[in-house]
Amino acid sequence: MSSSVPVGRGGLGPIERSIRILGGGVLALLALNLWLTTGGFAAWAWFAVALLGLDFVVTGIRGYCPLYARLGKGRARHSTIA
């Protein structure tokens, strides 16, 4: 018999996870393309945007956002106890 115990906030719902994965992937790919084709300071700005897109993809895959947890937002996460 297993039970579920709440362990805190920061969880993402299935719709938000999908949006983060798709949107973050598009943002990262677009920004990487612009980073490779521009020069100077703009190149580093696009690199930072690409990292932000990658962060969205990772948090979407994990289903957990540390920023949401710090702000007390998002769904309550649960830990399964066997």
N, C-alpha and C. Protein backbone atom coordinates (compact mmCIF):
# COMPACT_ATOMS: atom_id res chain seq x y z
N MET A 1 0.85 -1.17 0.00
CA MET A 1 0.00 0.00 0.00
C MET A 1 0.89 1.23 0.00
N SER A 2 0.61 2.15 -0.89
CA SER A 2 1.41 3.37 -0.96
C SER A 2 0.52 4.58 -0.70
N SER A 3 1.12 5.60 -0.14
CA SER A 3 0.37 6.83 0.12
C SER A 3 1.19 8.00 -0.40
N SER A 4 0.52 9.12 -0.57
CA SER A 4 1.16 10.30 -1.12
C SER A 4 1.25 11.36 -0.03
N VAL A 5 2.44 11.93 0.14
CA VAL A 5 2.68 12.93 1.17
C VAL A 5 3.11 14.23 0.50
N PRO A 6 2.45 15.38 0.78
CA PRO A 6 2.89 16.63 0.17
C PRO A 6 4.28 17.03 0.66
N VAL A 7 5.14 17.47 -0.28
CA VAL A 7 6.50 17.85 0.10
C VAL A 7 6.83 19.29 -0.25
N GLY A 8 5.88 20.07 -0.71
CA GLY A 8 6.14 21.47 -0.99
C GLY A 8 5.59 21.92 -2.32
N ARG A 9 5.80 23.18 -2.63
CA ARG A 9 5.31 23.78 -3.86
C ARG A 9 6.35 23.70 -4.96
N GLY A 10 5.98 24.19 -6.12
CA GLY A 10 6.91 24.26 -7.24
C GLY A 10 6.57 23.32 -8.37
N GLY A 11 5.56 22.47 -8.17
CA GLY A 11 5.18 21.52 -9.20
C GLY A 11 4.45 22.20 -10.35
N LEU A 12 4.60 21.64 -11.55
CA LEU A 12 3.96 22.17 -12.73
C LEU A 12 2.88 21.21 -13.20
N GLY A 13 1.79 21.77 -13.70
CA GLY A 13 0.73 20.95 -14.27
C GLY A 13 1.11 20.46 -15.66
N PRO A 14 0.36 19.50 -16.20
CA PRO A 14 0.71 18.92 -17.50
C PRO A 14 0.66 19.93 -18.66
N ILE A 15 -0.26 20.86 -18.63
CA ILE A 15 -0.35 21.85 -19.70
C ILE A 15 0.84 22.80 -19.64
N GLU A 16 1.19 23.27 -18.45
CA GLU A 16 2.33 24.17 -18.32
C GLU A 16 3.63 23.46 -18.68
N ARG A 17 3.74 22.18 -18.34
CA ARG A 17 4.94 21.43 -18.71
C ARG A 17 5.09 21.37 -20.22
N SER A 18 4.00 21.09 -20.93
CA SER A 18 4.05 21.01 -22.40
C SER A 18 4.42 22.36 -23.01
N ILE A 19 3.83 23.42 -22.50
CA ILE A 19 4.12 24.76 -23.00
C ILE A 19 5.58 25.12 -22.76
N ARG A 20 6.09 24.79 -21.59
CA ARG A 20 7.50 25.08 -21.29
C ARG A 20 8.45 24.31 -22.20
N ILE A 21 8.16 23.04 -22.43
CA ILE A 21 9.04 22.23 -23.26
C ILE A 21 9.04 22.73 -24.71
N LEU A 22 7.84 22.93 -25.27
CA LEU A 22 7.76 23.39 -26.67
C LEU A 22 8.27 24.81 -26.83
N GLY A 23 7.79 25.71 -25.99
CA GLY A 23 8.19 27.12 -26.09
C GLY A 23 9.66 27.32 -25.79
N GLY A 24 10.16 26.64 -24.77
CA GLY A 24 11.57 26.75 -24.43
C GLY A 24 12.47 26.21 -25.52
N GLY A 25 12.05 25.11 -26.15
CA GLY A 25 12.83 24.54 -27.25
C GLY A 25 12.90 25.48 -28.44
N VAL A 26 11.75 26.07 -28.79
CA VAL A 26 11.73 27.04 -29.90
C VAL A 26 12.58 28.25 -29.55
N LEU A 27 12.42 28.77 -28.34
CA LEU A 27 13.20 29.93 -27.92
C LEU A 27 14.70 29.64 -27.94
N ALA A 28 15.10 28.48 -27.43
CA ALA A 28 16.52 28.13 -27.40
C ALA A 28 17.09 27.99 -28.80
N LEU A 29 16.36 27.32 -29.69
CA LEU A 29 16.87 27.14 -31.05
C LEU A 29 16.95 28.46 -31.81
N LEU A 30 15.93 29.29 -31.67
CA LEU A 30 15.95 30.60 -32.33
C LEU A 30 17.10 31.45 -31.80
N ALA A 31 17.26 31.47 -30.50
CA ALA A 31 18.31 32.29 -29.90
C ALA A 31 19.70 31.77 -30.26
N LEU A 32 19.87 30.45 -30.31
CA LEU A 32 21.17 29.90 -30.71
C LEU A 32 21.49 30.28 -32.16
N ASN A 33 20.49 30.22 -33.02
CA ASN A 33 20.69 30.63 -34.41
C ASN A 33 21.12 32.09 -34.49
N LEU A 34 20.42 32.96 -33.77
CA LEU A 34 20.77 34.38 -33.79
C LEU A 34 22.12 34.64 -33.12
N TRP A 35 22.45 33.86 -32.10
CA TRP A 35 23.74 34.00 -31.43
C TRP A 35 24.90 33.69 -32.38
N LEU A 36 24.71 32.67 -33.21
CA LEU A 36 25.77 32.26 -34.12
C LEU A 36 25.90 33.20 -35.33
N THR A 37 24.84 33.96 -35.63
CA THR A 37 24.88 34.82 -36.82
C THR A 37 25.12 36.29 -36.50
N THR A 38 25.11 36.67 -35.23
CA THR A 38 25.36 38.07 -34.88
C THR A 38 26.71 38.18 -34.18
N GLY A 39 27.16 39.41 -34.02
CA GLY A 39 28.44 39.63 -33.36
C GLY A 39 28.32 40.65 -32.25
N GLY A 40 29.38 40.81 -31.52
CA GLY A 40 29.43 41.81 -30.46
C GLY A 40 28.58 41.45 -29.25
N PHE A 41 28.09 42.50 -28.57
CA PHE A 41 27.31 42.30 -27.36
C PHE A 41 26.00 41.58 -27.64
N ALA A 42 25.40 41.82 -28.81
CA ALA A 42 24.14 41.16 -29.15
C ALA A 42 24.28 39.65 -29.14
N ALA A 43 25.45 39.15 -29.53
CA ALA A 43 25.67 37.70 -29.53
C ALA A 43 25.55 37.15 -28.11
N TRP A 44 26.11 37.83 -27.14
CA TRP A 44 26.04 37.35 -25.75
C TRP A 44 24.63 37.46 -25.19
N ALA A 45 23.90 38.48 -25.63
CA ALA A 45 22.51 38.60 -25.20
C ALA A 45 21.68 37.43 -25.73
N TRP A 46 21.90 37.05 -26.99
CA TRP A 46 21.17 35.91 -27.56
C TRP A 46 21.58 34.61 -26.89
N PHE A 47 22.85 34.51 -26.50
CA PHE A 47 23.29 33.32 -25.77
C PHE A 47 22.56 33.21 -24.43
N ALA A 48 22.37 34.34 -23.74
CA ALA A 48 21.63 34.34 -22.47
C ALA A 48 20.18 33.93 -22.69
N VAL A 49 19.58 34.38 -23.78
CA VAL A 49 18.19 34.00 -24.09
C VAL A 49 18.12 32.50 -24.39
N ALA A 50 19.12 31.97 -25.07
CA ALA A 50 19.17 30.53 -25.34
C ALA A 50 19.23 29.73 -24.04
N LEU A 51 20.01 30.20 -23.08
CA LEU A 51 20.07 29.53 -21.78
C LEU A 51 18.73 29.59 -21.05
N LEU A 52 18.03 30.70 -21.18
CA LEU A 52 16.69 30.82 -20.58
C LEU A 52 15.75 29.80 -21.22
N GLY A 53 15.80 29.66 -22.53
CA GLY A 53 14.97 28.65 -23.21
C GLY A 53 15.31 27.25 -22.75
N LEU A 54 16.60 26.97 -22.57
CA LEU A 54 17.03 25.66 -22.08
C LEU A 54 16.50 25.42 -20.67
N ASP A 55 16.49 26.46 -19.85
CA ASP A 55 15.94 26.34 -18.49
C ASP A 55 14.46 25.96 -18.55
N PHE A 56 13.71 26.58 -19.45
CA PHE A 56 12.29 26.24 -19.59
C PHE A 56 12.12 24.77 -19.99
N VAL A 57 12.96 24.29 -20.89
CA VAL A 57 12.87 22.90 -21.31
C VAL A 57 13.16 21.96 -20.14
N VAL A 58 14.21 22.24 -19.39
CA VAL A 58 14.59 21.37 -18.26
C VAL A 58 13.52 21.37 -17.17
N THR A 59 13.01 22.55 -16.80
CA THR A 59 11.97 22.58 -15.77
C THR A 59 10.68 21.93 -16.27
N GLY A 60 10.41 22.03 -17.57
CA GLY A 60 9.24 21.36 -18.11
C GLY A 60 9.38 19.85 -18.06
N ILE A 61 10.54 19.35 -18.38
CA ILE A 61 10.77 17.90 -18.33
C ILE A 61 10.71 17.40 -16.90
N ARG A 62 11.34 18.13 -15.98
CA ARG A 62 11.34 17.71 -14.57
C ARG A 62 9.98 17.88 -13.91
N GLY A 63 9.19 18.84 -14.40
CA GLY A 63 7.89 19.09 -13.79
C GLY A 63 7.99 19.86 -12.48
N TYR A 64 9.12 20.51 -12.29
CA TYR A 64 9.37 21.24 -11.04
C TYR A 64 10.12 22.53 -11.37
N CYS A 65 9.68 23.63 -10.79
CA CYS A 65 10.33 24.92 -11.00
C CYS A 65 10.83 25.46 -9.65
N PRO A 66 12.15 25.55 -9.46
CA PRO A 66 12.69 26.05 -8.20
C PRO A 66 12.24 27.47 -7.88
N LEU A 67 12.09 28.31 -8.91
CA LEU A 67 11.63 29.68 -8.68
C LEU A 67 10.21 29.68 -8.13
N TYR A 68 9.33 28.86 -8.70
CA TYR A 68 7.96 28.75 -8.18
C TYR A 68 7.98 28.29 -6.72
N ALA A 69 8.86 27.34 -6.41
CA ALA A 69 8.95 26.83 -5.04
C ALA A 69 9.37 27.94 -4.08
N ARG A 70 10.34 28.77 -4.48
CA ARG A 70 10.80 29.88 -3.63
C ARG A 70 9.70 30.91 -3.41
N LEU A 71 8.85 31.10 -4.45
CA LEU A 71 7.77 32.08 -4.35
C LEU A 71 6.50 31.50 -3.75
N GLY A 72 6.49 30.19 -3.48
CA GLY A 72 5.32 29.55 -2.90
C GLY A 72 4.20 29.35 -3.90
N LYS A 73 4.53 29.28 -5.17
CA LYS A 73 3.53 29.12 -6.23
C LYS A 73 3.58 27.71 -6.80
N GLY A 74 2.66 27.42 -7.69
CA GLY A 74 2.63 26.12 -8.34
C GLY A 74 1.84 25.11 -7.53
N ARG A 75 1.79 23.92 -8.07
CA ARG A 75 1.06 22.83 -7.41
C ARG A 75 1.90 22.22 -6.31
N ALA A 76 1.22 21.69 -5.32
CA ALA A 76 1.94 20.98 -4.26
C ALA A 76 2.50 19.69 -4.83
N ARG A 77 3.74 19.45 -4.57
CA ARG A 77 4.37 18.19 -5.02
C ARG A 77 4.09 17.12 -4.00
N HIS A 78 4.06 15.88 -4.44
CA HIS A 78 3.80 14.77 -3.54
C HIS A 78 4.90 13.72 -3.68
N SER A 79 5.23 13.12 -2.58
CA SER A 79 6.20 12.03 -2.55
C SER A 79 5.44 10.75 -2.24
N THR A 80 5.69 9.70 -3.00
CA THR A 80 5.00 8.43 -2.79
C THR A 80 5.78 7.60 -1.78
N ILE A 81 5.09 7.14 -0.77
CA ILE A 81 5.69 6.30 0.26
C ILE A 81 5.14 4.89 0.09
N ALA A 82 6.03 3.93 -0.07
CA ALA A 82 5.58 2.54 -0.27
C ALA A 82 5.36 1.87 1.05
